N, C-alpha and C. Protein backbone atom coordinates (compact mmCIF):
# COMPACT_ATOMS: atom_id res chain seq x y z
N MET A 1 0.85 -1.18 0.00
CA MET A 1 0.00 0.00 0.00
C MET A 1 0.90 1.24 0.00
N GLY A 2 0.66 2.14 -0.91
CA GLY A 2 1.47 3.35 -1.03
C GLY A 2 0.98 4.46 -0.12
N LEU A 3 1.75 5.50 -0.06
CA LEU A 3 1.37 6.66 0.73
C LEU A 3 0.33 7.48 -0.01
N GLN A 4 -0.59 8.04 0.72
CA GLN A 4 -1.60 8.92 0.14
C GLN A 4 -1.20 10.35 0.45
N ARG A 5 -1.18 11.17 -0.57
CA ARG A 5 -0.83 12.57 -0.38
C ARG A 5 -2.11 13.38 -0.22
N ILE A 6 -2.19 14.15 0.84
CA ILE A 6 -3.34 15.01 1.07
C ILE A 6 -2.88 16.44 0.91
N GLU A 7 -3.44 17.13 -0.06
CA GLU A 7 -3.11 18.53 -0.30
C GLU A 7 -4.04 19.41 0.53
N PHE A 8 -3.48 20.41 1.19
CA PHE A 8 -4.30 21.37 1.91
C PHE A 8 -3.58 22.70 1.93
N GLY A 9 -4.39 23.72 2.02
CA GLY A 9 -3.84 25.07 2.09
C GLY A 9 -4.21 25.69 3.41
N VAL A 10 -3.37 26.58 3.87
CA VAL A 10 -3.63 27.27 5.13
C VAL A 10 -3.59 28.76 4.85
N ARG A 11 -4.60 29.46 5.31
CA ARG A 11 -4.61 30.90 5.15
C ARG A 11 -5.09 31.50 6.45
N ASP A 12 -4.34 32.44 6.98
CA ASP A 12 -4.72 33.14 8.19
C ASP A 12 -5.68 34.25 7.77
N ALA A 13 -6.95 34.08 8.08
CA ALA A 13 -7.96 35.03 7.65
C ALA A 13 -8.08 36.22 8.59
N SER A 14 -7.31 36.24 9.64
CA SER A 14 -7.35 37.33 10.59
C SER A 14 -6.05 38.13 10.48
N ALA A 15 -6.15 39.40 10.16
CA ALA A 15 -4.97 40.23 9.93
C ALA A 15 -4.09 40.34 11.18
N ASP A 16 -4.67 40.26 12.37
CA ASP A 16 -3.93 40.46 13.60
C ASP A 16 -3.38 39.18 14.20
N ALA A 17 -3.87 38.04 13.76
CA ALA A 17 -3.50 36.78 14.39
C ALA A 17 -2.15 36.30 13.88
N GLY A 18 -1.47 35.55 14.70
CA GLY A 18 -0.20 34.97 14.31
C GLY A 18 -0.23 33.47 14.50
N CYS A 19 0.74 32.81 13.92
CA CYS A 19 0.85 31.36 14.05
C CYS A 19 1.59 31.02 15.33
N CYS A 20 1.85 29.75 15.51
CA CYS A 20 2.57 29.29 16.70
C CYS A 20 3.89 30.02 16.87
N GLY A 21 4.55 30.34 15.75
CA GLY A 21 5.84 31.01 15.82
C GLY A 21 5.73 32.50 16.10
N GLY A 22 4.52 33.03 16.17
CA GLY A 22 4.32 34.43 16.49
C GLY A 22 4.20 35.33 15.28
N GLY A 23 4.55 34.84 14.10
CA GLY A 23 4.43 35.65 12.90
C GLY A 23 3.08 35.48 12.24
N ALA A 24 2.72 36.39 11.38
CA ALA A 24 1.44 36.30 10.69
C ALA A 24 1.57 35.36 9.49
N CYS A 25 0.58 34.55 9.27
CA CYS A 25 0.54 33.67 8.10
C CYS A 25 0.16 34.51 6.89
N ASP A 26 0.78 34.24 5.76
CA ASP A 26 0.39 34.97 4.56
C ASP A 26 0.19 34.03 3.38
N TYR A 27 0.13 32.73 3.65
CA TYR A 27 -0.07 31.77 2.58
C TYR A 27 -1.54 31.75 2.17
N THR A 28 -1.78 31.83 0.89
CA THR A 28 -3.13 31.71 0.35
C THR A 28 -3.14 30.53 -0.61
N PRO A 29 -3.99 29.53 -0.36
CA PRO A 29 -3.98 28.36 -1.22
C PRO A 29 -4.47 28.71 -2.62
N PRO A 30 -3.97 27.99 -3.62
CA PRO A 30 -4.45 28.25 -4.97
C PRO A 30 -5.92 27.87 -5.09
N ALA A 31 -6.63 28.58 -5.94
CA ALA A 31 -8.04 28.26 -6.17
C ALA A 31 -8.13 26.89 -6.82
N GLN A 32 -9.05 26.09 -6.34
CA GLN A 32 -9.22 24.76 -6.88
C GLN A 32 -10.63 24.61 -7.41
N ALA A 33 -10.73 24.29 -8.68
CA ALA A 33 -12.03 24.02 -9.28
C ALA A 33 -12.38 22.57 -8.99
N PRO A 34 -13.63 22.30 -8.61
CA PRO A 34 -14.00 20.92 -8.34
C PRO A 34 -13.91 20.08 -9.62
N HIS A 35 -13.50 18.84 -9.47
CA HIS A 35 -13.44 17.92 -10.59
C HIS A 35 -14.84 17.38 -10.85
N ALA A 36 -15.09 16.96 -12.06
CA ALA A 36 -16.40 16.40 -12.41
C ALA A 36 -16.72 15.25 -11.47
N GLY A 37 -17.90 15.27 -10.90
CA GLY A 37 -18.33 14.21 -10.00
C GLY A 37 -17.80 14.35 -8.58
N GLU A 38 -17.02 15.38 -8.30
CA GLU A 38 -16.49 15.57 -6.96
C GLU A 38 -17.50 16.29 -6.09
N VAL A 39 -17.58 15.88 -4.85
CA VAL A 39 -18.47 16.50 -3.87
C VAL A 39 -17.62 17.34 -2.93
N THR A 40 -18.06 18.58 -2.69
CA THR A 40 -17.36 19.46 -1.75
C THR A 40 -18.26 19.70 -0.55
N THR A 41 -17.73 19.47 0.63
CA THR A 41 -18.47 19.67 1.87
C THR A 41 -17.74 20.70 2.71
N ASP A 42 -18.43 21.75 3.12
CA ASP A 42 -17.83 22.78 3.97
C ASP A 42 -18.33 22.62 5.40
N LEU A 43 -17.40 22.70 6.35
CA LEU A 43 -17.71 22.61 7.77
C LEU A 43 -17.07 23.79 8.47
N LEU A 44 -17.74 24.35 9.47
CA LEU A 44 -17.17 25.42 10.28
C LEU A 44 -16.74 24.81 11.61
N VAL A 45 -15.44 24.93 11.90
CA VAL A 45 -14.85 24.27 13.07
C VAL A 45 -14.34 25.33 14.04
N GLU A 46 -14.69 25.18 15.30
CA GLU A 46 -14.28 26.13 16.33
C GLU A 46 -13.04 25.63 17.07
N GLY A 47 -12.23 26.58 17.52
CA GLY A 47 -11.11 26.27 18.39
C GLY A 47 -9.76 26.12 17.72
N MET A 48 -9.71 26.19 16.40
CA MET A 48 -8.43 26.05 15.70
C MET A 48 -7.70 27.39 15.73
N THR A 49 -6.41 27.37 16.14
CA THR A 49 -5.68 28.63 16.28
C THR A 49 -4.35 28.67 15.52
N CYS A 50 -3.87 27.52 15.04
CA CYS A 50 -2.53 27.51 14.42
C CYS A 50 -2.39 26.35 13.43
N GLU A 51 -1.22 26.24 12.84
CA GLU A 51 -0.99 25.19 11.85
C GLU A 51 -1.03 23.81 12.47
N HIS A 52 -0.65 23.68 13.72
CA HIS A 52 -0.77 22.37 14.39
C HIS A 52 -2.23 21.93 14.39
N CYS A 53 -3.14 22.85 14.67
CA CYS A 53 -4.57 22.55 14.65
C CYS A 53 -4.99 22.10 13.25
N VAL A 54 -4.51 22.81 12.25
CA VAL A 54 -4.84 22.48 10.86
C VAL A 54 -4.37 21.07 10.53
N ARG A 55 -3.13 20.74 10.92
CA ARG A 55 -2.60 19.40 10.64
C ARG A 55 -3.41 18.32 11.34
N ALA A 56 -3.80 18.57 12.59
CA ALA A 56 -4.56 17.57 13.35
C ALA A 56 -5.92 17.31 12.68
N VAL A 57 -6.63 18.37 12.32
CA VAL A 57 -7.95 18.21 11.69
C VAL A 57 -7.80 17.58 10.31
N THR A 58 -6.82 18.03 9.55
CA THR A 58 -6.60 17.50 8.20
C THR A 58 -6.29 16.01 8.25
N ALA A 59 -5.45 15.60 9.18
CA ALA A 59 -5.09 14.18 9.30
C ALA A 59 -6.30 13.33 9.64
N GLU A 60 -7.10 13.77 10.61
CA GLU A 60 -8.26 12.98 11.03
C GLU A 60 -9.34 12.94 9.94
N VAL A 61 -9.67 14.09 9.37
CA VAL A 61 -10.71 14.14 8.34
C VAL A 61 -10.25 13.39 7.09
N GLY A 62 -8.96 13.47 6.79
CA GLY A 62 -8.42 12.78 5.63
C GLY A 62 -8.54 11.27 5.70
N GLN A 63 -8.75 10.72 6.89
CA GLN A 63 -8.91 9.27 7.07
C GLN A 63 -10.34 8.80 6.88
N VAL A 64 -11.29 9.73 6.77
CA VAL A 64 -12.69 9.34 6.58
C VAL A 64 -12.84 8.72 5.19
N ASP A 65 -13.56 7.62 5.12
CA ASP A 65 -13.74 6.89 3.88
C ASP A 65 -14.25 7.79 2.75
N GLY A 66 -13.54 7.77 1.63
CA GLY A 66 -13.96 8.52 0.45
C GLY A 66 -13.38 9.92 0.34
N VAL A 67 -12.77 10.44 1.40
CA VAL A 67 -12.21 11.79 1.36
C VAL A 67 -10.96 11.79 0.49
N GLY A 68 -10.92 12.72 -0.48
CA GLY A 68 -9.77 12.83 -1.37
C GLY A 68 -8.79 13.88 -0.91
N SER A 69 -9.31 15.03 -0.45
CA SER A 69 -8.43 16.09 0.03
C SER A 69 -9.19 16.98 1.01
N VAL A 70 -8.41 17.71 1.81
CA VAL A 70 -8.97 18.60 2.83
C VAL A 70 -8.24 19.93 2.74
N GLU A 71 -9.00 21.02 2.74
CA GLU A 71 -8.43 22.37 2.77
C GLU A 71 -8.96 23.06 4.02
N VAL A 72 -8.14 23.89 4.64
CA VAL A 72 -8.56 24.62 5.83
C VAL A 72 -8.28 26.10 5.64
N GLU A 73 -9.29 26.90 5.91
CA GLU A 73 -9.13 28.36 5.96
C GLU A 73 -9.11 28.71 7.45
N LEU A 74 -7.91 28.93 7.97
CA LEU A 74 -7.73 29.13 9.41
C LEU A 74 -8.21 30.51 9.84
N VAL A 75 -9.08 30.53 10.84
CA VAL A 75 -9.58 31.77 11.44
C VAL A 75 -9.35 31.61 12.95
N PRO A 76 -8.18 32.03 13.45
CA PRO A 76 -7.84 31.79 14.86
C PRO A 76 -8.82 32.38 15.87
N SER A 77 -9.48 33.46 15.53
CA SER A 77 -10.39 34.09 16.49
C SER A 77 -11.85 33.76 16.22
N GLY A 78 -12.11 32.75 15.41
CA GLY A 78 -13.50 32.39 15.08
C GLY A 78 -13.57 30.98 14.55
N ALA A 79 -14.55 30.74 13.69
CA ALA A 79 -14.74 29.41 13.12
C ALA A 79 -13.94 29.27 11.83
N SER A 80 -13.10 28.26 11.77
CA SER A 80 -12.30 27.98 10.58
C SER A 80 -13.12 27.14 9.61
N ARG A 81 -12.97 27.42 8.32
CA ARG A 81 -13.68 26.65 7.30
C ARG A 81 -12.84 25.45 6.90
N VAL A 82 -13.42 24.27 7.04
CA VAL A 82 -12.78 23.03 6.61
C VAL A 82 -13.54 22.55 5.39
N ARG A 83 -12.87 22.51 4.25
CA ARG A 83 -13.50 22.11 2.98
C ARG A 83 -12.99 20.71 2.63
N VAL A 84 -13.94 19.80 2.50
CA VAL A 84 -13.63 18.40 2.23
C VAL A 84 -14.04 18.08 0.79
N HIS A 85 -13.09 17.56 0.03
CA HIS A 85 -13.36 17.13 -1.35
C HIS A 85 -13.40 15.60 -1.33
N SER A 86 -14.46 15.04 -1.90
CA SER A 86 -14.61 13.59 -1.87
C SER A 86 -15.28 13.08 -3.14
N GLU A 87 -15.21 11.78 -3.33
CA GLU A 87 -15.79 11.13 -4.49
C GLU A 87 -17.31 11.09 -4.41
N ARG A 88 -17.81 11.02 -3.19
CA ARG A 88 -19.26 10.95 -2.93
C ARG A 88 -19.52 11.71 -1.63
N THR A 89 -20.77 11.96 -1.32
CA THR A 89 -21.10 12.67 -0.09
C THR A 89 -20.60 11.85 1.10
N PRO A 90 -19.69 12.43 1.89
CA PRO A 90 -19.15 11.69 3.02
C PRO A 90 -20.16 11.54 4.15
N ASP A 91 -19.96 10.55 4.96
CA ASP A 91 -20.80 10.31 6.14
C ASP A 91 -20.59 11.46 7.12
N GLN A 92 -21.64 12.26 7.34
CA GLN A 92 -21.54 13.44 8.22
C GLN A 92 -21.12 13.04 9.63
N ALA A 93 -21.65 11.93 10.13
CA ALA A 93 -21.28 11.48 11.48
C ALA A 93 -19.80 11.15 11.55
N ALA A 94 -19.25 10.57 10.48
CA ALA A 94 -17.82 10.23 10.45
C ALA A 94 -16.97 11.51 10.41
N LEU A 95 -17.42 12.52 9.66
CA LEU A 95 -16.69 13.79 9.63
C LEU A 95 -16.68 14.45 11.00
N ILE A 96 -17.84 14.49 11.65
CA ILE A 96 -17.95 15.10 12.99
C ILE A 96 -17.07 14.33 13.98
N ALA A 97 -17.10 13.01 13.91
CA ALA A 97 -16.29 12.19 14.81
C ALA A 97 -14.80 12.46 14.59
N ALA A 98 -14.40 12.63 13.34
CA ALA A 98 -12.99 12.91 13.02
C ALA A 98 -12.56 14.26 13.59
N ILE A 99 -13.42 15.26 13.46
CA ILE A 99 -13.11 16.59 14.00
C ILE A 99 -13.02 16.53 15.53
N GLU A 100 -13.94 15.82 16.15
CA GLU A 100 -13.91 15.68 17.60
C GLU A 100 -12.69 14.89 18.06
N GLU A 101 -12.30 13.87 17.28
CA GLU A 101 -11.11 13.08 17.61
C GLU A 101 -9.87 13.96 17.60
N ALA A 102 -9.85 14.96 16.70
CA ALA A 102 -8.72 15.89 16.63
C ALA A 102 -8.76 16.90 17.78
N GLY A 103 -9.89 16.97 18.51
CA GLY A 103 -9.99 17.87 19.66
C GLY A 103 -10.78 19.13 19.43
N TYR A 104 -11.58 19.17 18.37
CA TYR A 104 -12.31 20.39 18.01
C TYR A 104 -13.79 20.07 17.84
N SER A 105 -14.59 21.09 17.59
CA SER A 105 -16.03 20.88 17.43
C SER A 105 -16.57 21.76 16.30
N LEU A 106 -17.71 21.33 15.77
CA LEU A 106 -18.38 22.14 14.76
C LEU A 106 -18.98 23.38 15.41
N GLN A 107 -19.07 24.45 14.64
CA GLN A 107 -19.70 25.68 15.14
C GLN A 107 -21.16 25.36 15.43
N ALA A 108 -21.63 25.82 16.58
CA ALA A 108 -23.03 25.57 16.99
C ALA A 108 -23.99 26.40 16.19
């Protein structure tokens, strides 16, 4: 079994917030057009503040059956957008469980 590569982008959507290292993030992921037949699911996740948070959520969500890639728009002072690209509509309960396993929760 080979390694699976999960592409994700991180963007600090808050002008004042900094990453773990104290500096401001300025990376903006390239725009991605959905592929034919691809399903995109957006989730708002609370409590994410840095790239470590992004990696934890991306790793857990990336293990959900059918997930092809995960992108995160980091908003340290609010709800971060987690965009899941998959072959079919993913099991919502599995996505929520993955986010909770990483230590975070969906926006109420």
